[in-house]
Protein backbone atom coordinates (compact mmCIF):
# COMPACT_ATOMS: atom_id res chain seq x y z
CA MET A 1 136.57 92.29 90.81
CA GLU A 2 135.12 88.82 91.44
CA PHE A 3 134.04 89.86 94.94
CA PHE A 4 132.46 93.03 93.56
CA LEU A 5 130.53 91.01 90.98
CA GLU A 6 129.36 88.54 93.65
CA VAL A 7 128.03 91.39 95.80
CA LEU A 8 126.44 93.07 92.77
CA ILE A 9 124.73 89.89 91.54
CA GLY A 10 123.52 89.08 95.05
CA GLY A 11 122.02 92.56 95.28
CA LEU A 12 120.34 92.26 91.88
CA LEU A 13 118.81 88.91 92.84
CA ALA A 14 117.48 90.42 96.08
CA GLY A 15 116.18 93.34 94.03
CA VAL A 16 114.02 91.03 91.95
CA MET A 17 112.39 89.89 95.20
CA TYR A 18 111.77 93.52 96.17
CA SER A 19 110.21 94.11 92.75
CA LEU A 20 107.81 91.24 93.35
CA VAL A 21 106.41 92.96 96.44
CA ALA A 22 106.32 96.34 94.71
CA ILE A 23 104.31 94.99 91.77
CA GLY A 24 101.40 94.25 94.12
CA PHE A 25 101.27 97.98 94.91
CA VAL A 26 101.55 98.96 91.25
CA LEU A 27 98.67 96.74 90.13
CA ILE A 28 96.22 98.23 92.60
CA TYR A 29 97.44 101.81 92.24
CA LYS A 30 97.15 101.71 88.45
CA ALA A 31 93.57 100.45 88.56
CA SER A 32 92.11 102.44 91.42
CA GLY A 33 94.59 105.10 92.49
CA VAL A 34 94.76 103.45 95.93
CA PHE A 35 98.09 103.02 97.70
CA ASN A 36 97.41 99.66 99.31
CA PHE A 37 99.34 99.72 102.57
CA ALA A 38 97.77 96.31 103.37
CA GLN A 39 99.95 94.58 100.74
CA GLY A 40 102.46 93.57 103.41
CA ALA A 41 99.69 92.08 105.54
CA MET A 42 98.49 90.14 102.49
CA VAL A 43 102.01 88.73 102.05
CA LEU A 44 101.99 87.62 105.70
CA PHE A 45 98.46 86.18 105.48
CA ALA A 46 99.33 84.13 102.38
CA ALA A 47 102.55 82.72 103.83
CA LEU A 48 101.01 81.96 107.23
CA THR A 49 97.98 80.28 105.65
CA TYR A 50 100.14 78.09 103.42
CA VAL A 51 102.52 76.94 106.14
CA SER A 52 99.66 76.36 108.60
CA LEU A 53 97.83 74.16 106.07
CA ILE A 54 101.05 72.20 105.61
CA ASP A 55 101.24 71.73 109.40
CA GLN A 56 97.63 70.47 109.32
CA GLY A 57 98.70 67.62 107.04
CA LEU A 58 97.70 68.92 103.61
CA SER A 59 100.00 68.29 100.68
CA PRO A 60 102.08 71.26 99.41
CA TRP A 61 100.16 71.52 96.13
CA LEU A 62 96.75 71.31 97.81
CA SER A 63 97.86 73.89 100.37
CA LEU A 64 98.99 76.15 97.56
CA LEU A 65 95.63 75.80 95.79
CA VAL A 66 93.60 76.44 98.95
CA THR A 67 95.73 79.47 99.81
CA ALA A 68 95.32 80.88 96.30
CA VAL A 69 91.53 80.52 96.55
CA LEU A 70 91.54 82.24 99.95
CA MET A 71 93.59 85.14 98.54
CA VAL A 72 91.06 85.60 95.73
CA LEU A 73 88.21 85.52 98.26
CA LEU A 74 90.07 88.08 100.34
CA ALA A 75 90.33 90.29 97.25
CA LEU A 76 86.57 90.02 96.68
CA ALA A 77 85.88 90.90 100.31
CA VAL A 78 88.18 93.93 100.18
CA GLU A 79 86.53 95.21 97.01
CA ALA A 80 83.04 94.81 98.48
CA ALA A 81 83.78 96.08 101.99
CA VAL A 82 86.36 98.82 101.38
CA LEU A 83 86.67 99.98 97.78
CA ARG A 84 83.05 100.08 96.75
CA PRO A 85 81.75 102.10 99.76
CA LEU A 86 84.66 104.57 99.51
CA VAL A 87 84.60 105.17 95.77
CA ASN A 88 85.25 108.81 94.77
CA ARG A 89 86.53 109.65 98.24
CA PRO A 90 89.80 111.61 98.66
CA PRO A 91 93.00 109.53 98.29
CA ILE A 92 93.93 110.05 101.95
CA VAL A 93 90.66 108.39 103.01
CA LEU A 94 91.41 105.34 100.87
CA PHE A 95 94.97 105.21 102.18
CA MET A 96 93.80 105.26 105.80
CA ALA A 97 91.26 102.55 104.94
CA THR A 98 94.02 100.26 103.62
CA LEU A 99 96.12 101.08 106.69
CA GLY A 100 93.29 99.88 108.90
CA LEU A 101 92.76 96.93 106.60
CA ALA A 102 96.37 95.88 107.18
CA TYR A 103 95.73 95.51 110.92
CA VAL A 104 92.46 93.68 110.27
CA ILE A 105 94.20 91.15 108.00
CA GLU A 106 97.03 90.64 110.50
CA GLY A 107 94.49 90.16 113.29
CA ALA A 108 92.53 87.67 111.18
CA ALA A 109 95.73 85.73 110.46
CA GLN A 110 96.53 85.66 114.17
CA ALA A 111 93.00 84.51 115.06
CA LEU A 112 93.05 81.74 112.43
CA TRP A 113 96.58 80.38 112.71
CA GLY A 114 98.09 81.68 115.95
CA THR A 115 101.20 83.75 116.56
CA GLN A 116 103.97 81.15 116.58
CA VAL A 117 106.90 81.41 114.19
CA HIS A 118 107.02 78.83 111.39
CA GLY A 119 109.85 77.61 109.25
CA LEU A 120 108.99 77.23 105.58
CA GLU A 121 110.73 74.71 103.38
CA LEU A 122 110.08 74.93 99.65
CA GLY A 123 112.55 72.25 98.64
CA ILE A 124 114.98 74.82 97.24
CA SER A 125 118.57 74.34 98.35
CA ASP A 126 120.31 77.30 99.95
CA ALA A 127 123.79 75.93 99.27
CA PRO A 128 126.18 78.29 97.47
CA MET A 129 127.02 77.42 93.90
CA PHE A 130 129.69 78.51 91.44
CA LEU A 131 128.42 80.25 88.32
CA GLY A 132 131.08 81.44 85.93
CA GLY A 133 133.61 81.42 88.75
CA LEU A 134 131.33 83.48 91.03
CA LEU A 135 129.86 82.20 94.31
CA ILE A 136 126.07 82.72 94.28
CA SER A 137 123.27 81.53 96.56
CA SER A 138 121.26 78.88 94.73
CA PHE A 139 118.10 79.87 96.65
CA ASP A 140 118.45 83.50 95.61
CA LEU A 141 118.98 82.42 92.00
CA VAL A 142 115.90 80.17 91.92
CA ALA A 143 113.76 82.69 93.83
CA ALA A 144 114.77 85.47 91.45
CA GLY A 145 113.93 83.20 88.51
CA ILE A 146 110.45 82.49 89.91
CA ALA A 147 109.85 86.17 90.64
CA GLY A 148 111.13 87.16 87.21
CA LEU A 149 108.87 84.62 85.50
CA LEU A 150 105.84 85.96 87.37
CA VAL A 151 106.77 89.50 86.41
CA ILE A 152 106.99 88.52 82.73
CA VAL A 153 103.62 86.74 82.87
CA LEU A 154 101.95 89.75 84.48
CA SER A 155 103.54 92.14 82.01
CA LEU A 156 102.31 90.08 79.05
CA PHE A 157 98.86 89.67 80.59
CA PHE A 158 98.33 93.36 81.18
CA SER A 159 99.89 94.38 77.86
CA TYR A 160 98.27 92.00 75.37
CA THR A 161 95.01 90.66 76.81
CA GLN A 162 91.61 92.32 76.67
CA THR A 163 91.52 92.58 80.46
CA GLY A 164 94.94 94.17 80.46
CA LEU A 165 93.87 96.74 77.89
CA ALA A 166 90.79 97.48 79.98
CA LEU A 167 93.02 97.99 83.01
CA ARG A 168 95.17 100.44 81.11
CA ALA A 169 92.06 102.30 79.98
CA VAL A 170 90.81 102.55 83.57
CA ALA A 171 94.22 103.75 84.72
CA ASP A 172 94.31 106.48 82.06
CA ASP A 173 90.73 107.76 82.40
CA PRO A 174 88.15 105.93 84.58
CA LEU A 175 85.20 107.99 83.36
CA ALA A 176 86.05 107.44 79.70
CA ALA A 177 86.53 103.72 80.37
CA GLN A 178 83.08 103.51 81.95
CA SER A 179 81.56 105.38 79.01
CA VAL A 180 82.69 102.63 76.60
CA GLY A 181 81.26 99.85 78.74
CA ILE A 182 84.20 98.82 80.93
CA ARG A 183 82.99 97.73 84.35
CA ILE A 184 85.21 99.36 86.96
CA ARG A 185 84.15 96.95 89.68
CA ARG A 186 85.16 93.94 87.57
CA ILE A 187 88.58 95.48 86.92
CA TRP A 188 89.08 96.15 90.62
CA VAL A 189 88.25 92.54 91.52
CA ILE A 190 90.67 91.19 88.91
CA VAL A 191 93.46 93.51 90.00
CA TRP A 192 93.03 92.79 93.71
CA SER A 193 92.95 89.06 92.92
CA ALA A 194 96.17 89.40 90.93
CA ALA A 195 97.73 91.37 93.78
CA GLY A 196 96.66 88.60 96.18
CA LEU A 197 98.34 85.94 94.04
CA VAL A 198 101.47 88.08 93.82
CA ALA A 199 101.37 88.36 97.62
CA LEU A 200 101.15 84.56 97.81
CA VAL A 201 104.30 84.06 95.73
CA ALA A 202 106.13 86.82 97.59
CA GLY A 203 105.03 85.38 100.94
CA LEU A 204 106.32 81.92 100.08
CA LEU A 205 109.69 83.15 98.84
CA TRP A 206 110.26 85.66 101.63
CA GLY A 207 108.86 83.24 104.22
CA ALA A 208 111.34 80.58 103.12
CA ARG A 209 114.12 83.16 103.41
CA LEU A 210 113.17 84.90 106.68
CA GLY A 211 110.73 82.50 108.33
CA VAL A 212 106.98 82.98 108.56
CA GLN A 213 106.47 85.47 111.38
CA PHE A 214 104.50 88.66 111.87
CA SER A 215 107.50 90.83 111.06
CA LEU A 216 107.15 89.48 107.52
CA SER A 217 104.50 92.11 106.89
CA LEU A 218 107.21 94.78 107.26
CA ILE A 219 108.60 93.67 103.91
CA VAL A 220 106.26 96.35 102.61
CA LEU A 221 108.81 98.91 103.82
CA LYS A 222 111.36 97.47 101.39
CA ALA A 223 108.98 98.15 98.52
CA LEU A 224 108.53 101.87 99.25
CA PRO A 225 111.95 103.02 97.91
CA VAL A 226 111.41 100.75 94.91
CA LEU A 227 108.12 102.46 94.13
CA ILE A 228 109.55 105.95 94.60
CA ILE A 229 112.41 105.25 92.20
CA GLY A 230 110.47 103.29 89.58
CA GLY A 231 107.14 105.08 89.80
CA PHE A 232 103.83 104.01 91.29
CA THR A 233 102.17 103.21 87.96
CA SER A 234 104.79 101.18 86.09
CA ILE A 235 105.54 97.46 86.30
CA THR A 236 108.77 98.15 84.41
CA GLY A 237 109.57 100.81 86.98
CA ALA A 238 109.03 98.32 89.81
CA ILE A 239 111.54 95.97 88.19
CA VAL A 240 114.17 98.64 87.54
CA GLY A 241 113.63 100.21 90.97
CA GLY A 242 114.00 96.84 92.66
CA LEU A 243 117.26 96.13 90.86
CA LEU A 244 118.65 99.56 91.75
CA ILE A 245 117.68 99.25 95.40
CA GLY A 246 118.94 95.67 95.72
CA ALA A 247 122.30 96.40 94.15
CA GLY A 248 122.65 99.78 95.89
CA GLU A 249 122.02 98.52 99.40
CA LYS A 250 124.37 95.54 99.08
CA LEU A 251 127.21 97.58 97.59
CA ALA A 252 126.72 100.32 100.20
CA GLU A 253 126.80 97.80 103.05
CA VAL A 254 130.04 96.25 101.82
CA TYR A 255 131.94 99.33 100.65
CA LEU A 256 130.49 102.18 102.72
CA GLY A 257 129.64 100.21 105.83
CA GLN A 258 133.27 99.84 106.83
CA LEU A 259 133.71 103.61 106.60
CA ILE A 260 130.62 104.94 108.40
CA GLY A 261 129.49 101.88 110.36
CA ASN A 262 127.69 98.68 109.55
CA GLY A 263 123.93 98.35 109.28
CA ILE A 264 123.42 100.97 106.59
CA GLU A 265 121.72 98.37 104.38
CA ASN A 266 118.44 99.02 106.18
CA TRP A 267 118.34 102.79 105.64
CA PHE A 268 120.48 103.44 102.57
CA PRO A 269 117.59 102.68 100.13
CA TYR A 270 115.66 105.57 101.66
CA VAL A 271 118.57 107.92 101.01
CA ILE A 272 118.40 106.95 97.33
CA ALA A 273 114.62 107.39 97.37
CA LEU A 274 114.89 110.86 98.93
CA LEU A 275 117.35 111.92 96.24
CA PHE A 276 114.92 110.75 93.58
CA LEU A 277 112.08 112.67 95.23
CA LEU A 278 114.16 115.84 95.01
CA VAL A 279 115.18 115.32 91.39
CA ARG A 280 112.37 113.26 89.82
CA PRO A 281 109.32 113.03 92.12
CA ALA A 282 107.31 110.87 89.69
CA GLY A 283 110.06 108.24 89.48
CA LEU A 284 111.86 106.93 86.43
CA PHE A 285 108.76 105.53 84.73
CA GLY A 286 105.94 107.18 86.66
CA GLN A 287 103.42 109.56 85.16
CA ARG A 288 103.59 113.16 86.27
CA THR A 289 100.19 114.29 87.57
CA ILE A 290 98.96 117.66 86.29
CA GLU A 291 96.08 119.22 88.20
CA ARG A 292 94.25 122.21 86.77
CA VAL A 293 92.72 124.60 89.26
C-alpha cells in the first residue's frame, strides 16, 4: 500500500506540472477560440532565454524579469502579426497559423541563443524526502506547489477581477461583449501575455527537470490528453485532467507495464483521451458546442 501511494502521489505531482502547460492552451482558447499549437515553443523560448541570460552573467532575478518582459513582447507581436490579420477566419486557418508560429519561435530561439543543451539549476533539491512515511521527490513537491499556486492566482484573477469578467464575456459571446464596450484586442493581448508568463514558469520547471533542449517544446504533447479529458475551456478541467493523466500514466507504467511491456507511460494517456472522446467529447468541464444550420 505504501508503494502504491508513493506511485500515486508521484503521478499527481507530475499531473500538476501537466496542468500548468495545459492552462496556457485554455487561456488562449477561451478568449479567441484559437488552439495555440505554439504553446510548446513558447515554453522552450522562455526556458532557453532565461538560462542563456544566466550564462551571460545576469543574476537569476534579473534574468527572470528580462525573460518575462520578452514573453509579454512576444505576446504583443503574436497578437499584431497573427491574430489581428486572421480575425473571423475559419478555426483551421488559425490553427495552421499557430503551427507555423511554433516553428518561427523555435527558429528565433535557435538564432538568438544557439542549439546547445543547457542544464538549469533553480536551487531546488531533488533529494527524496519522507512525508508521512512515504518517499517523495522534494523537487516534484516544490514544483507542484509552485504550479498549484500559479493556478490558484490565475483562477482568482479570471474569476473575480474586471479583466477576468471581461474575458468570460468574450468567451461566451464575442459580439455581445463588443456591443457593451469590451475591446477584444485588449483581451487578446492580456490573455497571450498571461499565457506567455505561464509558459515561462512551465519552461523553468520542466527545464530544471529535463534540461533545456529543443525537445522541451514537445511537452505540448503531454498537454493534449489533459485538454481532451478536462475540456478546452476550463481551468478547473485542466487541473483535474492533469491529475488524472499524471496518476494514470504512473500507475499504468508500474502495474500494467510488467504485463504488456514497459514504456506504456508515453502512450497510455492517449488511450484514456480516446476513451473520453468516445464517451464525452467535450471533456469533463468543457462546453458542448451547438451549431444551428
